[in-house]
Amino acid sequence: MRTILTLVTFVALSTGAYAADAKAGEAAYMKSCKSCHGTDGTHNAGIAKMMKIEMKDLQSPEVQAMSDADIKKWITVGMGKMKPVPAAAASADDIAAYVHTLKK
């Protein structure tokens, strides 16, 4: 029975039965990301100025061309001055799906 359950789980995951949920990602983004990246992905200019960085517009073609895996890596590992966001790590797949809905 355990082998069958493991096999069913593997098949479900490998065939895309689990898909990231952009709606859930929106809720997680609003909770963990919007303070820096803004509600629409255009970033908080005050935070960028304070940190002396240029934040990427999440609506930009450059960010939109990124894979979900790359966006998830930004969330879980960080990049440059952006530190990992532990509160968002569990929802990183969903947040990446949501970020892709922010296209201009």
N, C-alpha and C. Protein backbone atom coordinates (compact mmCIF):
# COMPACT_ATOMS: atom_id res chain seq x y z
N MET A 1 0.83 -1.18 0.00
CA MET A 1 0.00 0.00 0.00
C MET A 1 0.88 1.26 0.00
N ARG A 2 1.92 1.25 0.80
CA ARG A 2 2.81 2.40 0.88
C ARG A 2 3.49 2.66 -0.46
N THR A 3 3.89 1.58 -1.14
CA THR A 3 4.52 1.72 -2.45
C THR A 3 3.56 2.34 -3.45
N ILE A 4 2.32 1.92 -3.42
CA ILE A 4 1.32 2.46 -4.33
C ILE A 4 1.10 3.95 -4.07
N LEU A 5 1.00 4.33 -2.80
CA LEU A 5 0.81 5.73 -2.45
C LEU A 5 2.00 6.57 -2.91
N THR A 6 3.20 6.07 -2.72
CA THR A 6 4.40 6.76 -3.17
C THR A 6 4.39 6.92 -4.68
N LEU A 7 4.03 5.87 -5.39
CA LEU A 7 3.98 5.91 -6.85
C LEU A 7 2.93 6.91 -7.34
N VAL A 8 1.76 6.91 -6.74
CA VAL A 8 0.70 7.84 -7.12
C VAL A 8 1.15 9.28 -6.88
N THR A 9 1.78 9.53 -5.76
CA THR A 9 2.29 10.87 -5.45
C THR A 9 3.33 11.29 -6.47
N PHE A 10 4.26 10.39 -6.80
CA PHE A 10 5.30 10.70 -7.78
C PHE A 10 4.70 11.02 -9.14
N VAL A 11 3.75 10.24 -9.58
CA VAL A 11 3.11 10.46 -10.88
C VAL A 11 2.36 11.79 -10.88
N ALA A 12 1.65 12.08 -9.81
CA ALA A 12 0.89 13.33 -9.73
C ALA A 12 1.82 14.53 -9.81
N LEU A 13 2.93 14.47 -9.09
CA LEU A 13 3.87 15.59 -9.11
C LEU A 13 4.58 15.72 -10.44
N SER A 14 4.93 14.61 -11.04
CA SER A 14 5.69 14.66 -12.28
C SER A 14 4.83 15.00 -13.50
N THR A 15 3.53 14.83 -13.40
CA THR A 15 2.66 15.13 -14.53
C THR A 15 2.02 16.51 -14.42
N GLY A 16 2.41 17.25 -13.42
CA GLY A 16 1.88 18.60 -13.28
C GLY A 16 0.53 18.65 -12.58
N ALA A 17 0.16 17.59 -11.89
CA ALA A 17 -1.09 17.60 -11.15
C ALA A 17 -1.04 18.67 -10.06
N TYR A 18 0.14 18.94 -9.57
CA TYR A 18 0.31 20.04 -8.63
C TYR A 18 0.77 21.24 -9.44
N ALA A 19 -0.03 22.26 -9.45
CA ALA A 19 0.35 23.48 -10.15
C ALA A 19 0.36 24.61 -9.14
N ALA A 20 1.26 25.54 -9.33
CA ALA A 20 1.32 26.68 -8.44
C ALA A 20 0.02 27.46 -8.54
N ASP A 21 -0.37 28.06 -7.45
CA ASP A 21 -1.63 28.77 -7.34
C ASP A 21 -1.37 30.27 -7.26
N ALA A 22 -1.59 30.98 -8.36
CA ALA A 22 -1.32 32.42 -8.41
C ALA A 22 -2.19 33.20 -7.42
N LYS A 23 -3.40 32.75 -7.18
CA LYS A 23 -4.29 33.44 -6.23
C LYS A 23 -3.72 33.32 -4.82
N ALA A 24 -3.27 32.14 -4.44
CA ALA A 24 -2.63 31.97 -3.14
C ALA A 24 -1.32 32.75 -3.11
N GLY A 25 -0.63 32.80 -4.24
CA GLY A 25 0.60 33.57 -4.34
C GLY A 25 0.37 35.05 -4.12
N GLU A 26 -0.76 35.56 -4.60
CA GLU A 26 -1.08 36.97 -4.40
C GLU A 26 -1.21 37.27 -2.90
N ALA A 27 -1.90 36.40 -2.17
CA ALA A 27 -2.07 36.61 -0.74
C ALA A 27 -0.72 36.58 -0.02
N ALA A 28 0.13 35.61 -0.39
CA ALA A 28 1.46 35.52 0.23
C ALA A 28 2.33 36.71 -0.14
N TYR A 29 2.25 37.16 -1.40
CA TYR A 29 3.00 38.33 -1.86
C TYR A 29 2.59 39.55 -1.06
N MET A 30 1.29 39.76 -0.90
CA MET A 30 0.80 40.94 -0.17
C MET A 30 1.26 40.91 1.28
N LYS A 31 1.42 39.74 1.83
CA LYS A 31 1.85 39.61 3.22
C LYS A 31 3.36 39.78 3.37
N SER A 32 4.14 39.23 2.45
CA SER A 32 5.59 39.16 2.64
C SER A 32 6.43 40.01 1.69
N CYS A 33 5.85 40.48 0.59
CA CYS A 33 6.67 41.12 -0.45
C CYS A 33 6.30 42.57 -0.76
N LYS A 34 5.04 42.92 -0.57
CA LYS A 34 4.58 44.23 -1.05
C LYS A 34 5.23 45.40 -0.35
N SER A 35 5.71 45.24 0.87
CA SER A 35 6.33 46.37 1.56
C SER A 35 7.55 46.89 0.80
N CYS A 36 8.26 46.03 0.12
CA CYS A 36 9.42 46.45 -0.68
C CYS A 36 9.09 46.55 -2.16
N HIS A 37 8.31 45.61 -2.68
CA HIS A 37 8.07 45.52 -4.11
C HIS A 37 6.76 46.17 -4.57
N GLY A 38 6.01 46.75 -3.65
CA GLY A 38 4.78 47.43 -4.01
C GLY A 38 3.66 46.47 -4.34
N THR A 39 2.44 46.98 -4.27
CA THR A 39 1.29 46.11 -4.51
C THR A 39 1.21 45.62 -5.95
N ASP A 40 1.77 46.41 -6.88
CA ASP A 40 1.71 46.02 -8.29
C ASP A 40 3.06 45.60 -8.87
N GLY A 41 4.07 45.45 -8.01
CA GLY A 41 5.38 45.00 -8.47
C GLY A 41 6.31 46.11 -8.92
N THR A 42 5.91 47.37 -8.76
CA THR A 42 6.75 48.48 -9.24
C THR A 42 7.71 49.00 -8.18
N HIS A 43 7.82 48.44 -7.08
CA HIS A 43 8.71 48.64 -5.93
C HIS A 43 8.44 49.91 -5.15
N ASN A 44 8.90 49.88 -3.93
CA ASN A 44 8.78 51.00 -3.01
C ASN A 44 10.03 51.85 -3.18
N ALA A 45 9.88 53.03 -3.77
CA ALA A 45 11.02 53.90 -4.06
C ALA A 45 11.78 54.31 -2.80
N GLY A 46 11.05 54.50 -1.70
CA GLY A 46 11.70 54.88 -0.44
C GLY A 46 12.64 53.79 0.07
N ILE A 47 12.22 52.55 -0.02
CA ILE A 47 13.06 51.42 0.40
C ILE A 47 14.29 51.33 -0.51
N ALA A 48 14.08 51.45 -1.80
CA ALA A 48 15.19 51.37 -2.75
C ALA A 48 16.21 52.47 -2.47
N LYS A 49 15.73 53.68 -2.20
CA LYS A 49 16.63 54.80 -1.91
C LYS A 49 17.39 54.57 -0.61
N MET A 50 16.68 54.12 0.41
CA MET A 50 17.29 53.86 1.71
C MET A 50 18.39 52.80 1.60
N MET A 51 18.13 51.76 0.81
CA MET A 51 19.10 50.67 0.66
C MET A 51 20.16 50.98 -0.40
N LYS A 52 19.97 52.10 -1.11
CA LYS A 52 20.90 52.51 -2.16
C LYS A 52 21.04 51.44 -3.24
N ILE A 53 19.86 50.99 -3.70
CA ILE A 53 19.82 49.96 -4.73
C ILE A 53 18.79 50.34 -5.79
N GLU A 54 18.90 49.71 -6.92
CA GLU A 54 17.88 49.84 -7.95
C GLU A 54 17.10 48.54 -7.95
N MET A 55 15.86 48.61 -7.52
CA MET A 55 15.01 47.42 -7.50
C MET A 55 14.43 47.19 -8.89
N LYS A 56 14.33 45.95 -9.25
CA LYS A 56 13.73 45.60 -10.54
C LYS A 56 12.21 45.73 -10.46
N ASP A 57 11.64 46.26 -11.51
CA ASP A 57 10.20 46.33 -11.66
C ASP A 57 9.73 44.91 -11.99
N LEU A 58 8.91 44.34 -11.14
CA LEU A 58 8.47 42.96 -11.36
C LEU A 58 7.59 42.81 -12.59
N GLN A 59 7.09 43.93 -13.12
CA GLN A 59 6.29 43.90 -14.34
C GLN A 59 7.16 43.93 -15.60
N SER A 60 8.44 44.22 -15.44
CA SER A 60 9.33 44.41 -16.59
C SER A 60 9.50 43.12 -17.40
N PRO A 61 9.77 43.27 -18.70
CA PRO A 61 10.02 42.09 -19.53
C PRO A 61 11.18 41.24 -18.99
N GLU A 62 12.18 41.89 -18.40
CA GLU A 62 13.32 41.16 -17.85
C GLU A 62 12.89 40.19 -16.74
N VAL A 63 12.09 40.68 -15.81
CA VAL A 63 11.62 39.81 -14.71
C VAL A 63 10.59 38.81 -15.24
N GLN A 64 9.72 39.25 -16.12
CA GLN A 64 8.69 38.36 -16.65
C GLN A 64 9.29 37.21 -17.46
N ALA A 65 10.49 37.41 -18.00
CA ALA A 65 11.16 36.35 -18.76
C ALA A 65 11.83 35.32 -17.86
N MET A 66 11.93 35.64 -16.58
CA MET A 66 12.57 34.71 -15.64
C MET A 66 11.69 33.49 -15.42
N SER A 67 12.33 32.38 -15.13
CA SER A 67 11.58 31.16 -14.84
C SER A 67 11.03 31.22 -13.41
N ASP A 68 10.03 30.40 -13.15
CA ASP A 68 9.51 30.29 -11.79
C ASP A 68 10.63 29.88 -10.83
N ALA A 69 11.51 29.00 -11.30
CA ALA A 69 12.61 28.53 -10.45
C ALA A 69 13.54 29.68 -10.06
N ASP A 70 13.80 30.58 -11.01
CA ASP A 70 14.66 31.73 -10.70
C ASP A 70 14.00 32.66 -9.69
N ILE A 71 12.72 32.92 -9.86
CA ILE A 71 12.00 33.78 -8.92
C ILE A 71 11.96 33.12 -7.55
N LYS A 72 11.71 31.83 -7.53
CA LYS A 72 11.69 31.09 -6.26
C LYS A 72 13.05 31.18 -5.57
N LYS A 73 14.12 31.13 -6.35
CA LYS A 73 15.47 31.23 -5.78
C LYS A 73 15.67 32.61 -5.14
N TRP A 74 15.21 33.67 -5.80
CA TRP A 74 15.30 35.01 -5.19
C TRP A 74 14.63 35.03 -3.83
N ILE A 75 13.47 34.39 -3.73
CA ILE A 75 12.69 34.39 -2.49
C ILE A 75 13.39 33.56 -1.41
N THR A 76 13.87 32.39 -1.77
CA THR A 76 14.40 31.47 -0.77
C THR A 76 15.89 31.64 -0.46
N VAL A 77 16.66 32.17 -1.42
CA VAL A 77 18.10 32.32 -1.23
C VAL A 77 18.50 33.79 -1.13
N GLY A 78 17.75 34.64 -1.82
CA GLY A 78 18.07 36.06 -1.86
C GLY A 78 18.94 36.36 -3.07
N MET A 79 19.19 37.67 -3.27
CA MET A 79 20.04 38.09 -4.38
C MET A 79 20.50 39.51 -4.10
N GLY A 80 21.79 39.75 -4.19
CA GLY A 80 22.31 41.07 -3.90
C GLY A 80 21.99 41.44 -2.47
N LYS A 81 21.40 42.62 -2.28
CA LYS A 81 21.03 43.06 -0.94
C LYS A 81 19.72 42.44 -0.45
N MET A 82 18.99 41.79 -1.35
CA MET A 82 17.75 41.13 -0.92
C MET A 82 18.11 39.84 -0.20
N LYS A 83 17.72 39.78 1.04
CA LYS A 83 17.95 38.59 1.85
C LYS A 83 16.84 37.58 1.59
N PRO A 84 17.06 36.31 1.92
CA PRO A 84 15.98 35.32 1.81
C PRO A 84 14.78 35.77 2.64
N VAL A 85 13.61 35.37 2.22
CA VAL A 85 12.38 35.73 2.93
C VAL A 85 11.77 34.44 3.49
N PRO A 86 12.20 34.05 4.70
CA PRO A 86 11.73 32.79 5.27
C PRO A 86 10.21 32.68 5.36
N ALA A 87 9.54 33.79 5.66
CA ALA A 87 8.08 33.76 5.79
C ALA A 87 7.40 33.43 4.46
N ALA A 88 8.08 33.66 3.35
CA ALA A 88 7.50 33.41 2.03
C ALA A 88 7.99 32.12 1.40
N ALA A 89 8.96 31.48 2.00
CA ALA A 89 9.59 30.30 1.38
C ALA A 89 8.59 29.19 1.08
N ALA A 90 7.69 28.92 1.99
CA ALA A 90 6.72 27.84 1.78
C ALA A 90 5.76 28.15 0.63
N SER A 91 5.60 29.43 0.31
CA SER A 91 4.69 29.85 -0.75
C SER A 91 5.43 30.32 -2.00
N ALA A 92 6.72 30.05 -2.09
CA ALA A 92 7.55 30.58 -3.18
C ALA A 92 7.03 30.18 -4.56
N ASP A 93 6.56 28.96 -4.73
CA ASP A 93 6.02 28.54 -6.03
C ASP A 93 4.80 29.37 -6.40
N ASP A 94 3.92 29.58 -5.43
CA ASP A 94 2.71 30.35 -5.67
C ASP A 94 3.04 31.82 -5.93
N ILE A 95 4.00 32.37 -5.19
CA ILE A 95 4.41 33.76 -5.41
C ILE A 95 5.00 33.93 -6.79
N ALA A 96 5.82 32.99 -7.23
CA ALA A 96 6.39 33.06 -8.58
C ALA A 96 5.28 33.07 -9.63
N ALA A 97 4.27 32.23 -9.43
CA ALA A 97 3.13 32.21 -10.36
C ALA A 97 2.41 33.56 -10.35
N TYR A 98 2.26 34.15 -9.17
CA TYR A 98 1.61 35.45 -9.07
C TYR A 98 2.44 36.54 -9.76
N VAL A 99 3.74 36.53 -9.55
CA VAL A 99 4.60 37.54 -10.19
C VAL A 99 4.42 37.52 -11.70
N HIS A 100 4.22 36.35 -12.27
CA HIS A 100 4.02 36.27 -13.72
C HIS A 100 2.67 36.82 -14.16
N THR A 101 1.78 37.10 -13.24
CA THR A 101 0.50 37.74 -13.60
C THR A 101 0.63 39.26 -13.63
N LEU A 102 1.78 39.79 -13.23
CA LEU A 102 1.98 41.24 -13.14
C LEU A 102 2.47 41.87 -14.45
N LYS A 103 2.42 41.16 -15.54
CA LYS A 103 2.90 41.68 -16.81
C LYS A 103 2.29 43.02 -17.14
N LYS A 104 3.10 43.88 -17.77
CA LYS A 104 2.61 45.19 -18.21
C LYS A 104 1.67 45.03 -19.38
